């Protein structure tokens, strides 16, 4: 697996389908606040997410894009 430093140093572009977003990044992409995103996650709404660990959440690029296309005007 390539490190983030390697990717930056070699200017590797990660395809959208492999991109994952932190909650901050997903909020920016969807126009939601972190609190709105958290509430939606807890109620089973909003973009699909992956719980990497108990304290780490990631949103996959295609899931964020689909959700945004469907709900954001």
PDB file of N, CA and C in Angstrom:
ATOM      1  N   UNK A   1       0.846  -1.173   0.000  1.00  0.00           N
ATOM      2  CA  UNK A   1       0.000   0.000   0.000  1.00  0.00           C
ATOM      3  C   UNK A   1       0.893   1.239   0.000  1.00  0.00           C
ATOM      4  N   UNK A   2       0.516   2.222  -0.804  1.00  0.00           N
ATOM      5  CA  UNK A   2       1.296   3.456  -0.877  1.00  0.00           C
ATOM      6  C   UNK A   2       0.892   4.397   0.252  1.00  0.00           C
ATOM      7  N   UNK A   3       1.873   5.052   0.822  1.00  0.00           N
ATOM      8  CA  UNK A   3       1.596   6.001   1.898  1.00  0.00           C
ATOM      9  C   UNK A   3       1.069   7.308   1.315  1.00  0.00           C
ATOM     10  N   UNK A   4       0.433   8.106   2.171  1.00  0.00           N
ATOM     11  CA  UNK A   4      -0.060   9.416   1.748  1.00  0.00           C
ATOM     12  C   UNK A   4       1.101  10.292   1.295  1.00  0.00           C
ATOM     13  N   UNK A   5       2.246  10.181   1.979  1.00  0.00           N
ATOM     14  CA  UNK A   5       3.423  10.968   1.598  1.00  0.00           C
ATOM     15  C   UNK A   5       3.891  10.589   0.194  1.00  0.00           C
ATOM     16  N   UNK A   6       3.899   9.306  -0.111  1.00  0.00           N
ATOM     17  CA  UNK A   6       4.286   8.846  -1.449  1.00  0.00           C
ATOM     18  C   UNK A   6       3.337   9.415  -2.494  1.00  0.00           C
ATOM     19  N   UNK A   7       2.042   9.346  -2.210  1.00  0.00           N
ATOM     20  CA  UNK A   7       1.050   9.847  -3.161  1.00  0.00           C
ATOM     21  C   UNK A   7       1.243  11.337  -3.422  1.00  0.00           C
ATOM     22  N   UNK A   8       1.510  12.107  -2.361  1.00  0.00           N
ATOM     23  CA  UNK A   8       1.745  13.549  -2.529  1.00  0.00           C
ATOM     24  C   UNK A   8       3.038  13.806  -3.304  1.00  0.00           C
ATOM     25  N   UNK A   9       4.089  13.109  -2.932  1.00  0.00           N
ATOM     26  CA  UNK A   9       5.401  13.321  -3.547  1.00  0.00           C
ATOM     27  C   UNK A   9       5.362  12.998  -5.041  1.00  0.00           C
ATOM     28  N   UNK A  10       4.644  11.964  -5.411  1.00  0.00           N
ATOM     29  CA  UNK A  10       4.599  11.537  -6.807  1.00  0.00           C
ATOM     30  C   UNK A  10       3.350  12.020  -7.536  1.00  0.00           C
ATOM     31  N   UNK A  11       2.586  12.871  -6.866  1.00  0.00           N
ATOM     32  CA  UNK A  11       1.382  13.470  -7.447  1.00  0.00           C
ATOM     33  C   UNK A  11       0.449  12.429  -8.058  1.00  0.00           C
ATOM     34  N   UNK A  12       0.226  11.385  -7.317  1.00  0.00           N
ATOM     35  CA  UNK A  12      -0.665  10.326  -7.762  1.00  0.00           C
ATOM     36  C   UNK A  12      -2.103  10.764  -7.508  1.00  0.00           C
ATOM     37  N   UNK A  13      -2.937  10.641  -8.515  1.00  0.00           N
ATOM     38  CA  UNK A  13      -4.347  10.979  -8.371  1.00  0.00           C
ATOM     39  C   UNK A  13      -5.114   9.707  -8.036  1.00  0.00           C
ATOM     40  N   UNK A  14      -5.884   9.772  -6.979  1.00  0.00           N
ATOM     41  CA  UNK A  14      -6.685   8.623  -6.564  1.00  0.00           C
ATOM     42  C   UNK A  14      -8.026   8.700  -7.285  1.00  0.00           C
ATOM     43  N   UNK A  15      -8.413   7.652  -8.024  1.00  0.00           N
ATOM     44  CA  UNK A  15      -9.703   7.672  -8.716  1.00  0.00           C
ATOM     45  C   UNK A  15     -10.853   7.874  -7.730  1.00  0.00           C
ATOM     46  N   UNK A  16     -11.898   8.549  -8.191  1.00  0.00           N
ATOM     47  CA  UNK A  16     -13.039   8.865  -7.320  1.00  0.00           C
ATOM     48  C   UNK A  16     -13.618   7.620  -6.664  1.00  0.00           C
ATOM     49  N   UNK A  17     -13.650   6.497  -7.379  1.00  0.00           N
ATOM     50  CA  UNK A  17     -14.255   5.295  -6.803  1.00  0.00           C
ATOM     51  C   UNK A  17     -13.432   4.707  -5.662  1.00  0.00           C
ATOM     52  N   UNK A  18     -12.169   5.128  -5.540  1.00  0.00           N
ATOM     53  CA  UNK A  18     -11.327   4.650  -4.446  1.00  0.00           C
ATOM     54  C   UNK A  18     -11.174   5.680  -3.340  1.00  0.00           C
ATOM     55  N   UNK A  19     -11.658   6.878  -3.570  1.00  0.00           N
ATOM     56  CA  UNK A  19     -11.509   7.985  -2.619  1.00  0.00           C
ATOM     57  C   UNK A  19     -12.413   7.771  -1.425  1.00  0.00           C
ATOM     58  N   UNK A  20     -11.898   8.080  -0.248  1.00  0.00           N
ATOM     59  CA  UNK A  20     -12.750   8.078   0.944  1.00  0.00           C
ATOM     60  C   UNK A  20     -12.649   9.441   1.605  1.00  0.00           C
ATOM     61  N   UNK A  21     -13.738   9.847   2.251  1.00  0.00           N
ATOM     62  CA  UNK A  21     -13.817  11.156   2.880  1.00  0.00           C
ATOM     63  C   UNK A  21     -13.934  11.018   4.385  1.00  0.00           C
ATOM     64  N   UNK A  22     -13.279  11.916   5.096  1.00  0.00           N
ATOM     65  CA  UNK A  22     -13.500  12.038   6.534  1.00  0.00           C
ATOM     66  C   UNK A  22     -14.873  12.685   6.711  1.00  0.00           C
ATOM     67  N   UNK A  23     -15.438  12.654   7.911  1.00  0.00           N
ATOM     68  CA  UNK A  23     -16.710  13.357   8.111  1.00  0.00           C
ATOM     69  C   UNK A  23     -16.628  14.840   7.739  1.00  0.00           C
ATOM     70  N   UNK A  24     -15.522  15.508   8.052  1.00  0.00           N
ATOM     71  CA  UNK A  24     -15.364  16.922   7.667  1.00  0.00           C
ATOM     72  C   UNK A  24     -15.445  17.095   6.153  1.00  0.00           C
ATOM     73  N   UNK A  25     -14.742  16.234   5.433  1.00  0.00           N
ATOM     74  CA  UNK A  25     -14.734  16.317   3.969  1.00  0.00           C
ATOM     75  C   UNK A  25     -16.099  15.969   3.391  1.00  0.00           C
ATOM     76  N   UNK A  26     -16.748  14.949   3.946  1.00  0.00           N
ATOM     77  CA  UNK A  26     -18.079  14.567   3.468  1.00  0.00           C
ATOM     78  C   UNK A  26     -19.084  15.685   3.717  1.00  0.00           C
ATOM     79  N   UNK A  27     -18.972  16.347   4.856  1.00  0.00           N
ATOM     80  CA  UNK A  27     -19.861  17.475   5.152  1.00  0.00           C
ATOM     81  C   UNK A  27     -19.664  18.577   4.114  1.00  0.00           C
ATOM     82  N   UNK A  28     -18.420  18.873   3.784  1.00  0.00           N
ATOM     83  CA  UNK A  28     -18.140  19.905   2.783  1.00  0.00           C
ATOM     84  C   UNK A  28     -18.681  19.502   1.414  1.00  0.00           C
ATOM     85  N   UNK A  29     -18.556  18.234   1.058  1.00  0.00           N
ATOM     86  CA  UNK A  29     -19.033  17.752  -0.237  1.00  0.00           C
ATOM     87  C   UNK A  29     -20.560  17.774  -0.347  1.00  0.00           C
ATOM     88  N   UNK A  30     -21.241  17.546   0.758  1.00  0.00           N
ATOM     89  CA  UNK A  30     -22.704  17.449   0.737  1.00  0.00           C
ATOM     90  C   UNK A  30     -23.407  18.737   1.133  1.00  0.00           C
ATOM     91  N   UNK A  31     -22.667  19.677   1.712  1.00  0.00           N
ATOM     92  CA  UNK A  31     -23.292  20.910   2.176  1.00  0.00           C
ATOM     93  C   UNK A  31     -23.969  20.767   3.524  1.00  0.00           C
ATOM     94  N   UNK A  32     -23.717  19.658   4.209  1.00  0.00           N
ATOM     95  CA  UNK A  32     -24.279  19.428   5.538  1.00  0.00           C
ATOM     96  C   UNK A  32     -23.283  19.870   6.603  1.00  0.00           C
ATOM     97  N   UNK A  33     -23.780  20.122   7.798  1.00  0.00           N
ATOM     98  CA  UNK A  33     -22.877  20.372   8.917  1.00  0.00           C
ATOM     99  C   UNK A  33     -22.435  19.020   9.471  1.00  0.00           C
ATOM    100  N   UNK A  34     -21.384  19.023  10.272  1.00  0.00           N
ATOM    101  CA  UNK A  34     -20.948  17.777  10.915  1.00  0.00           C
ATOM    102  C   UNK A  34     -22.055  17.195  11.782  1.00  0.00           C
ATOM    103  N   UNK A  35     -22.771  18.056  12.475  1.00  0.00           N
ATOM    104  CA  UNK A  35     -23.860  17.598  13.345  1.00  0.00           C
ATOM    105  C   UNK A  35     -24.983  16.966  12.523  1.00  0.00           C
ATOM    106  N   UNK A  36     -25.357  17.583  11.406  1.00  0.00           N
ATOM    107  CA  UNK A  36     -26.394  17.008  10.540  1.00  0.00           C
ATOM    108  C   UNK A  36     -25.944  15.652  10.006  1.00  0.00           C
ATOM    109  N   UNK A  37     -24.699  15.576   9.589  1.00  0.00           N
ATOM    110  CA  UNK A  37     -24.157  14.327   9.062  1.00  0.00           C
ATOM    111  C   UNK A  37     -24.165  13.241  10.133  1.00  0.00           C
ATOM    112  N   UNK A  38     -23.782  13.590  11.358  1.00  0.00           N
ATOM    113  CA  UNK A  38     -23.777  12.624  12.467  1.00  0.00           C
ATOM    114  C   UNK A  38     -25.193  12.132  12.756  1.00  0.00           C
ATOM    115  N   UNK A  39     -26.151  13.061  12.828  1.00  0.00           N
ATOM    116  CA  UNK A  39     -27.540  12.662  13.101  1.00  0.00           C
ATOM    117  C   UNK A  39     -28.082  11.757  12.006  1.00  0.00           C
ATOM    118  N   UNK A  40     -27.771  12.087  10.762  1.00  0.00           N
ATOM    119  CA  UNK A  40     -28.232  11.257   9.648  1.00  0.00           C
ATOM    120  C   UNK A  40     -27.599   9.870   9.714  1.00  0.00           C
ATOM    121  N   UNK A  41     -26.330   9.817  10.057  1.00  0.00           N
ATOM    122  CA  UNK A  41     -25.631   8.531  10.177  1.00  0.00           C
ATOM    123  C   UNK A  41     -26.276   7.680  11.263  1.00  0.00           C
ATOM    124  N   UNK A  42     -26.572   8.296  12.412  1.00  0.00           N
ATOM    125  CA  UNK A  42     -27.166   7.567  13.536  1.00  0.00           C
ATOM    126  C   UNK A  42     -28.588   7.105  13.247  1.00  0.00           C
ATOM    127  N   UNK A  43     -29.299   7.815  12.371  1.00  0.00           N
ATOM    128  CA  UNK A  43     -30.680   7.439  12.062  1.00  0.00           C
ATOM    129  C   UNK A  43     -30.785   6.593  10.795  1.00  0.00           C
ATOM    130  N   UNK A  44     -29.635   6.253  10.189  1.00  0.00           N
ATOM    131  CA  UNK A  44     -29.647   5.404   9.001  1.00  0.00           C
ATOM    132  C   UNK A  44     -29.946   6.159   7.721  1.00  0.00           C
ATOM    133  N   UNK A  45     -29.822   7.469   7.756  1.00  0.00           N
ATOM    134  CA  UNK A  45     -30.032   8.295   6.565  1.00  0.00           C
ATOM    135  C   UNK A  45     -28.684   8.819   6.102  1.00  0.00           C
ATOM    136  N   UNK A  46     -28.700   9.626   5.067  1.00  0.00           N
ATOM    137  CA  UNK A  46     -27.458  10.227   4.586  1.00  0.00           C
ATOM    138  C   UNK A  46     -26.631   9.255   3.766  1.00  0.00           C
ATOM    139  N   UNK A  47     -25.456   9.700   3.346  1.00  0.00           N
ATOM    140  CA  UNK A  47     -24.599   8.831   2.537  1.00  0.00           C
ATOM    141  C   UNK A  47     -24.140   7.607   3.335  1.00  0.00           C
ATOM    142  N   UNK A  48     -23.960   6.506   2.625  1.00  0.00           N
ATOM    143  CA  UNK A  48     -23.450   5.294   3.277  1.00  0.00           C
ATOM    144  C   UNK A  48     -22.057   5.588   3.836  1.00  0.00           C
ATOM    145  N   UNK A  49     -21.716   4.909   4.921  1.00  0.00           N
ATOM    146  CA  UNK A  49     -20.424   5.138   5.563  1.00  0.00           C
ATOM    147  C   UNK A  49     -19.815   3.822   6.000  1.00  0.00           C
ATOM    148  N   UNK A  50     -18.535   3.878   6.323  1.00  0.00           N
ATOM    149  CA  UNK A  50     -17.801   2.719   6.823  1.00  0.00           C
ATOM    150  C   UNK A  50     -17.232   3.094   8.186  1.00  0.00           C
ATOM    151  N   UNK A  51     -17.496   2.267   9.188  1.00  0.00           N
ATOM    152  CA  UNK A  51     -16.902   2.469  10.514  1.00  0.00           C
ATOM    153  C   UNK A  51     -15.573   1.718  10.522  1.00  0.00           C
ATOM    154  N   UNK A  52     -14.496   2.438  10.313  1.00  0.00           N
ATOM    155  CA  UNK A  52     -13.160   1.839  10.268  1.00  0.00           C
ATOM    156  C   UNK A  52     -12.778   1.315  11.645  1.00  0.00           C
ATOM    157  N   UNK A  53     -13.146   2.067  12.662  1.00  0.00           N
ATOM    158  CA  UNK A  53     -12.966   1.657  14.051  1.00  0.00           C
ATOM    159  C   UNK A  53     -14.081   2.321  14.850  1.00  0.00           C
ATOM    160  N   UNK A  54     -14.047   2.153  16.145  1.00  0.00           N
ATOM    161  CA  UNK A  54     -15.096   2.733  16.982  1.00  0.00           C
ATOM    162  C   UNK A  54     -15.152   4.259  16.853  1.00  0.00           C
ATOM    163  N   UNK A  55     -14.003   4.876  16.591  1.00  0.00           N
ATOM    164  CA  UNK A  55     -13.939   6.338  16.528  1.00  0.00           C
ATOM    165  C   UNK A  55     -13.616   6.893  15.144  1.00  0.00           C
ATOM    166  N   UNK A  56     -13.483   6.032  14.149  1.00  0.00           N
ATOM    167  CA  UNK A  56     -13.099   6.491  12.815  1.00  0.00           C
ATOM    168  C   UNK A  56     -14.159   6.113  11.790  1.00  0.00           C
ATOM    169  N   UNK A  57     -14.724   7.130  11.157  1.00  0.00           N
ATOM    170  CA  UNK A  57     -15.761   6.958  10.141  1.00  0.00           C
ATOM    171  C   UNK A  57     -15.207   7.454   8.814  1.00  0.00           C
ATOM    172  N   UNK A  58     -15.521   6.751   7.743  1.00  0.00           N
ATOM    173  CA  UNK A  58     -15.158   7.199   6.402  1.00  0.00           C
ATOM    174  C   UNK A  58     -16.372   7.037   5.491  1.00  0.00           C
ATOM    175  N   UNK A  59     -16.448   7.940   4.536  1.00  0.00           N
ATOM    176  CA  UNK A  59     -17.482   7.902   3.510  1.00  0.00           C
ATOM    177  C   UNK A  59     -16.786   7.638   2.189  1.00  0.00           C
ATOM    178  N   UNK A  60     -17.257   6.651   1.425  1.00  0.00           N
ATOM    179  CA  UNK A  60     -16.631   6.324   0.153  1.00  0.00           C
ATOM    180  C   UNK A  60     -17.091   7.301  -0.923  1.00  0.00           C
ATOM    181  N   UNK A  61     -16.160   7.676  -1.796  1.00  0.00           N
ATOM    182  CA  UNK A  61     -16.423   8.666  -2.836  1.00  0.00           C
ATOM    183  C   UNK A  61     -17.692   8.428  -3.632  1.00  0.00           C
ATOM    184  N   UNK A  62     -17.890   7.229  -4.193  1.00  0.00           N
ATOM    185  CA  UNK A  62     -19.095   7.001  -4.989  1.00  0.00           C
ATOM    186  C   UNK A  62     -20.385   7.151  -4.176  1.00  0.00           C
ATOM    187  N   UNK A  63     -20.353   6.769  -2.911  1.00  0.00           N
ATOM    188  CA  UNK A  63     -21.547   6.895  -2.070  1.00  0.00           C
ATOM    189  C   UNK A  63     -21.886   8.358  -1.818  1.00  0.00           C
ATOM    190  N   UNK A  64     -20.868   9.173  -1.582  1.00  0.00           N
ATOM    191  CA  UNK A  64     -21.084  10.608  -1.361  1.00  0.00           C
ATOM    192  C   UNK A  64     -21.607  11.245  -2.646  1.00  0.00           C
ATOM    193  N   UNK A  65     -21.008  10.891  -3.783  1.00  0.00           N
ATOM    194  CA  UNK A  65     -21.444  11.450  -5.069  1.00  0.00           C
ATOM    195  C   UNK A  65     -22.892  11.083  -5.371  1.00  0.00           C
ATOM    196  N   UNK A  66     -23.254   9.818  -5.190  1.00  0.00           N
ATOM    197  CA  UNK A  66     -24.646   9.380  -5.433  1.00  0.00           C
ATOM    198  C   UNK A  66     -25.620  10.126  -4.539  1.00  0.00           C
ATOM    199  N   UNK A  67     -25.278  10.240  -3.268  1.00  0.00           N
ATOM    200  CA  UNK A  67     -26.165  10.921  -2.323  1.00  0.00           C
ATOM    201  C   UNK A  67     -26.317  12.382  -2.719  1.00  0.00           C
ATOM    202  N   UNK A  68     -25.210  13.007  -3.060  1.00  0.00           N
ATOM    203  CA  UNK A  68     -25.242  14.425  -3.443  1.00  0.00           C
ATOM    204  C   UNK A  68     -26.077  14.640  -4.700  1.00  0.00           C
ATOM    205  N   UNK A  69     -25.915  13.774  -5.700  1.00  0.00           N
ATOM    206  CA  UNK A  69     -26.701  13.890  -6.933  1.00  0.00           C
ATOM    207  C   UNK A  69     -28.188  13.713  -6.667  1.00  0.00           C
ATOM    208  N   UNK A  70     -28.506  12.867  -5.726  1.00  0.00           N
ATOM    209  CA  UNK A  70     -29.911  12.564  -5.440  1.00  0.00           C
ATOM    210  C   UNK A  70     -30.585  13.629  -4.577  1.00  0.00           C
ATOM    211  N   UNK A  71     -29.864  14.196  -3.612  1.00  0.00           N
ATOM    212  CA  UNK A  71     -30.512  15.055  -2.625  1.00  0.00           C
ATOM    213  C   UNK A  71     -30.112  16.524  -2.641  1.00  0.00           C
ATOM    214  N   UNK A  72     -28.976  16.865  -3.199  1.00  0.00           N
ATOM    215  CA  UNK A  72     -28.522  18.260  -3.161  1.00  0.00           C
ATOM    216  C   UNK A  72     -28.910  18.940  -4.460  1.00  0.00           C
ATOM    217  N   UNK A  73     -29.574  20.058  -4.336  1.00  0.00           N
ATOM    218  CA  UNK A  73     -30.024  20.817  -5.520  1.00  0.00           C
ATOM    219  C   UNK A  73     -29.119  21.984  -5.760  1.00  0.00           C
TER     220      UNK A  73
END
